[in-house]
Amino acid sequence: MSPHFTNPSADEIRILLQQIKTIAVVGLSASPNRPSYGVSKALQGFGYRIIPVNPVVSDVLGEKAYPSLRDLPEPVDLVDVFRESSHVAGIVEECIALKVPALWLQDGVVDETAALRARGAGITVVMDRCIYRDYVRLML
């Protein structure tokens, strides 16, 4: 039987949300009606710095966008993923290579094998959860 992925506890997620400052948002859309935009705007309102990662936009929410995680000019505390699950394995490989400390896969973004691989590399992983909802539930 293969190991199953389980999310960190509510307390562990709360501590993570308290510790992080800079969030790279993979798949951040410039369209205000997209979930990635609304969540990222809310995160900015909570005091986090958002760095958009999207090869088809130049800037979003007042921040310069970068085509990939490898192009980021500085380390980030968390990578938040708004991409289809099929992209997660590649994103995990980038996170491992860049020694990203934490990875958050939004609602519906699920790749148990990749999440376990990231966790095995020492990355804190939250999967199939909304960072905005968890922030509101745990921090406010």
C-alpha atoms as a PDB file:
ATOM      1  CA  MET A   1       0.000   0.000   0.000  1.00  0.00           C
ATOM      2  CA  SER A   2       1.399   3.379  -0.975  1.00  0.00           C
ATOM      3  CA  PRO A   3       1.569   6.236   1.528  1.00  0.00           C
ATOM      4  CA  HIS A   4      -1.285   8.699   1.383  1.00  0.00           C
ATOM      5  CA  PHE A   5      -0.916  12.445   1.414  1.00  0.00           C
ATOM      6  CA  THR A   6      -2.526  14.270   4.324  1.00  0.00           C
ATOM      7  CA  ASN A   7      -2.578  18.012   4.788  1.00  0.00           C
ATOM      8  CA  PRO A   8      -0.899  19.663   7.762  1.00  0.00           C
ATOM      9  CA  SER A   9      -3.096  20.230  10.810  1.00  0.00           C
ATOM     10  CA  ALA A  10      -4.968  23.505  11.309  1.00  0.00           C
ATOM     11  CA  ASP A  11      -2.311  24.562  13.831  1.00  0.00           C
ATOM     12  CA  GLU A  12       0.492  23.793  11.376  1.00  0.00           C
ATOM     13  CA  ILE A  13      -1.288  25.760   8.631  1.00  0.00           C
ATOM     14  CA  ARG A  14      -1.797  28.692  11.019  1.00  0.00           C
ATOM     15  CA  ILE A  15       1.933  28.727  11.854  1.00  0.00           C
ATOM     16  CA  LEU A  16       2.787  28.579   8.139  1.00  0.00           C
ATOM     17  CA  LEU A  17       0.494  31.534   7.397  1.00  0.00           C
ATOM     18  CA  GLN A  18       2.133  33.492  10.234  1.00  0.00           C
ATOM     19  CA  GLN A  19       5.670  32.787   9.012  1.00  0.00           C
ATOM     20  CA  ILE A  20       5.411  33.491   5.289  1.00  0.00           C
ATOM     21  CA  LYS A  21       5.846  36.971   3.807  1.00  0.00           C
ATOM     22  CA  THR A  22       6.378  36.513   0.056  1.00  0.00           C
ATOM     23  CA  ILE A  23       4.143  34.323  -2.120  1.00  0.00           C
ATOM     24  CA  ALA A  24       4.800  33.384  -5.750  1.00  0.00           C
ATOM     25  CA  VAL A  25       1.403  32.772  -7.361  1.00  0.00           C
ATOM     26  CA  VAL A  26       1.738  30.349 -10.284  1.00  0.00           C
ATOM     27  CA  GLY A  27      -1.030  30.908 -12.817  1.00  0.00           C
ATOM     28  CA  LEU A  28      -2.058  34.331 -11.489  1.00  0.00           C
ATOM     29  CA  SER A  29      -4.454  35.809 -14.031  1.00  0.00           C
ATOM     30  CA  ALA A  30      -4.746  39.515 -14.819  1.00  0.00           C
ATOM     31  CA  SER A  31      -8.522  39.046 -15.112  1.00  0.00           C
ATOM     32  CA  PRO A  32     -10.342  40.331 -11.988  1.00  0.00           C
ATOM     33  CA  ASN A  33     -13.079  37.672 -12.330  1.00  0.00           C
ATOM     34  CA  ARG A  34     -10.594  34.766 -11.981  1.00  0.00           C
ATOM     35  CA  PRO A  35     -10.163  33.099  -8.559  1.00  0.00           C
ATOM     36  CA  SER A  36      -6.369  33.536  -8.701  1.00  0.00           C
ATOM     37  CA  TYR A  37      -6.804  37.313  -8.995  1.00  0.00           C
ATOM     38  CA  GLY A  38      -9.331  37.629  -6.164  1.00  0.00           C
ATOM     39  CA  VAL A  39      -7.352  35.405  -3.792  1.00  0.00           C
ATOM     40  CA  SER A  40      -4.076  37.203  -4.571  1.00  0.00           C
ATOM     41  CA  LYS A  41      -5.664  40.636  -4.093  1.00  0.00           C
ATOM     42  CA  ALA A  42      -7.019  39.487  -0.709  1.00  0.00           C
ATOM     43  CA  LEU A  43      -3.589  38.118   0.271  1.00  0.00           C
ATOM     44  CA  GLN A  44      -2.067  41.504  -0.543  1.00  0.00           C
ATOM     45  CA  GLY A  45      -4.690  43.041   1.733  1.00  0.00           C
ATOM     46  CA  PHE A  46      -3.571  40.666   4.513  1.00  0.00           C
ATOM     47  CA  GLY A  47      -0.035  42.050   4.134  1.00  0.00           C
ATOM     48  CA  TYR A  48       1.631  39.421   1.960  1.00  0.00           C
ATOM     49  CA  ARG A  49       3.821  40.324  -1.025  1.00  0.00           C
ATOM     50  CA  ILE A  50       2.539  38.627  -4.167  1.00  0.00           C
ATOM     51  CA  ILE A  51       4.819  37.781  -7.087  1.00  0.00           C
ATOM     52  CA  PRO A  52       2.869  36.718 -10.193  1.00  0.00           C
ATOM     53  CA  VAL A  53       4.227  33.743 -12.166  1.00  0.00           C
ATOM     54  CA  ASN A  54       2.595  33.664 -15.583  1.00  0.00           C
ATOM     55  CA  PRO A  55       4.363  33.765 -18.977  1.00  0.00           C
ATOM     56  CA  VAL A  56       1.537  35.619 -20.735  1.00  0.00           C
ATOM     57  CA  VAL A  57       1.223  38.726 -18.524  1.00  0.00           C
ATOM     58  CA  SER A  58       3.731  41.480 -17.720  1.00  0.00           C
ATOM     59  CA  ASP A  59       2.278  42.580 -14.410  1.00  0.00           C
ATOM     60  CA  VAL A  60      -0.682  41.861 -12.130  1.00  0.00           C
ATOM     61  CA  LEU A  61      -1.913  43.693  -9.027  1.00  0.00           C
ATOM     62  CA  GLY A  62       0.949  46.200  -9.273  1.00  0.00           C
ATOM     63  CA  GLU A  63       3.677  43.521  -9.272  1.00  0.00           C
ATOM     64  CA  LYS A  64       5.941  42.515 -12.175  1.00  0.00           C
ATOM     65  CA  ALA A  65       5.140  39.027 -13.444  1.00  0.00           C
ATOM     66  CA  TYR A  66       7.749  36.371 -14.235  1.00  0.00           C
ATOM     67  CA  PRO A  67       7.416  33.576 -16.805  1.00  0.00           C
ATOM     68  CA  SER A  68       8.481  30.785 -14.425  1.00  0.00           C
ATOM     69  CA  LEU A  69       9.608  30.119 -10.861  1.00  0.00           C
ATOM     70  CA  ARG A  70      13.200  29.856 -12.127  1.00  0.00           C
ATOM     71  CA  ASP A  71      12.963  33.478 -13.339  1.00  0.00           C
ATOM     72  CA  LEU A  72      12.105  34.927  -9.917  1.00  0.00           C
ATOM     73  CA  PRO A  73      14.653  37.555  -8.803  1.00  0.00           C
ATOM     74  CA  GLU A  74      14.455  36.582  -5.122  1.00  0.00           C
ATOM     75  CA  PRO A  75      13.546  33.630  -2.925  1.00  0.00           C
ATOM     76  CA  VAL A  76       9.903  33.224  -1.884  1.00  0.00           C
ATOM     77  CA  ASP A  77       8.403  31.735   1.280  1.00  0.00           C
ATOM     78  CA  LEU A  78       5.515  29.959  -0.463  1.00  0.00           C
ATOM     79  CA  VAL A  79       4.479  28.944  -3.971  1.00  0.00           C
ATOM     80  CA  ASP A  80       0.681  29.072  -4.421  1.00  0.00           C
ATOM     81  CA  VAL A  81      -0.542  27.121  -7.467  1.00  0.00           C
ATOM     82  CA  PHE A  82      -3.576  27.992  -9.608  1.00  0.00           C
ATOM     83  CA  ARG A  83      -2.838  25.576 -12.473  1.00  0.00           C
ATOM     84  CA  GLU A  84      -4.347  22.294 -13.611  1.00  0.00           C
ATOM     85  CA  SER A  85      -3.193  19.260 -11.676  1.00  0.00           C
ATOM     86  CA  SER A  86      -1.274  18.012 -14.734  1.00  0.00           C
ATOM     87  CA  HIS A  87       1.247  20.852 -14.193  1.00  0.00           C
ATOM     88  CA  VAL A  88       1.957  20.059 -10.531  1.00  0.00           C
ATOM     89  CA  ALA A  89       4.770  17.530 -11.045  1.00  0.00           C
ATOM     90  CA  GLY A  90       6.815  20.048 -13.047  1.00  0.00           C
ATOM     91  CA  ILE A  91       6.129  22.799 -10.510  1.00  0.00           C
ATOM     92  CA  VAL A  92       7.250  20.478  -7.697  1.00  0.00           C
ATOM     93  CA  GLU A  93      10.524  19.801  -9.538  1.00  0.00           C
ATOM     94  CA  GLU A  94      11.126  23.563  -9.812  1.00  0.00           C
ATOM     95  CA  CYS A  95      10.290  24.057  -6.119  1.00  0.00           C
ATOM     96  CA  ILE A  96      12.738  21.304  -5.124  1.00  0.00           C
ATOM     97  CA  ALA A  97      15.484  22.767  -7.348  1.00  0.00           C
ATOM     98  CA  LEU A  98      14.892  26.258  -5.895  1.00  0.00           C
ATOM     99  CA  LYS A  99      14.624  24.966  -2.309  1.00  0.00           C
ATOM    100  CA  VAL A 100      11.221  26.608  -1.839  1.00  0.00           C
ATOM    101  CA  PRO A 101      10.127  25.991   1.773  1.00  0.00           C
ATOM    102  CA  ALA A 102       6.367  25.673   1.176  1.00  0.00           C
ATOM    103  CA  LEU A 103       3.925  24.787  -1.589  1.00  0.00           C
ATOM    104  CA  TRP A 104       0.168  25.411  -1.603  1.00  0.00           C
ATOM    105  CA  LEU A 105      -2.059  23.713  -4.186  1.00  0.00           C
ATOM    106  CA  GLN A 106      -5.415  25.479  -4.446  1.00  0.00           C
ATOM    107  CA  ASP A 107      -8.885  23.888  -4.460  1.00  0.00           C
ATOM    108  CA  GLY A 108      -9.071  21.151  -7.086  1.00  0.00           C
ATOM    109  CA  VAL A 109      -5.306  21.093  -7.713  1.00  0.00           C
ATOM    110  CA  VAL A 110      -4.350  17.540  -6.730  1.00  0.00           C
ATOM    111  CA  ASP A 111      -1.316  15.371  -7.475  1.00  0.00           C
ATOM    112  CA  GLU A 112      -0.702  13.069  -4.532  1.00  0.00           C
ATOM    113  CA  THR A 113       2.505  11.595  -5.970  1.00  0.00           C
ATOM    114  CA  ALA A 114       4.032  15.040  -6.606  1.00  0.00           C
ATOM    115  CA  ALA A 115       2.877  16.322  -3.204  1.00  0.00           C
ATOM    116  CA  LEU A 116       4.545  13.362  -1.471  1.00  0.00           C
ATOM    117  CA  ARG A 117       7.712  13.939  -3.532  1.00  0.00           C
ATOM    118  CA  ALA A 118       7.781  17.606  -2.448  1.00  0.00           C
ATOM    119  CA  ARG A 119       7.203  16.649   1.182  1.00  0.00           C
ATOM    120  CA  GLY A 120      10.000  14.070   0.922  1.00  0.00           C
ATOM    121  CA  ALA A 121      12.293  16.884  -0.226  1.00  0.00           C
ATOM    122  CA  GLY A 122      11.481  18.856   2.928  1.00  0.00           C
ATOM    123  CA  ILE A 123       8.811  21.153   1.484  1.00  0.00           C
ATOM    124  CA  THR A 124       5.691  21.880   3.547  1.00  0.00           C
ATOM    125  CA  VAL A 125       2.756  21.021   1.264  1.00  0.00           C
ATOM    126  CA  VAL A 126      -0.921  21.974   1.492  1.00  0.00           C
ATOM    127  CA  MET A 127      -3.091  20.436  -1.242  1.00  0.00           C
ATOM    128  CA  ASP A 128      -6.655  20.972  -2.505  1.00  0.00           C
ATOM    129  CA  ARG A 129      -7.349  23.861  -0.122  1.00  0.00           C
ATOM    130  CA  CYS A 130      -7.952  27.581  -0.583  1.00  0.00           C
ATOM    131  CA  ILE A 131      -5.316  29.740   1.114  1.00  0.00           C
ATOM    132  CA  TYR A 132      -7.798  32.633   1.366  1.00  0.00           C
ATOM    133  CA  ARG A 133     -10.451  30.531   3.119  1.00  0.00           C
ATOM    134  CA  ASP A 134      -7.863  29.033   5.460  1.00  0.00           C
ATOM    135  CA  TYR A 135      -6.486  32.486   6.274  1.00  0.00           C
ATOM    136  CA  VAL A 136      -9.970  33.795   7.087  1.00  0.00           C
ATOM    137  CA  ARG A 137     -10.795  30.688   9.158  1.00  0.00           C
ATOM    138  CA  LEU A 138      -7.500  30.478  11.077  1.00  0.00           C
ATOM    139  CA  MET A 139      -6.108  34.005  11.276  1.00  0.00           C
ATOM    140  CA  LEU A 140      -9.024  36.444  11.603  1.00  0.00           C
END
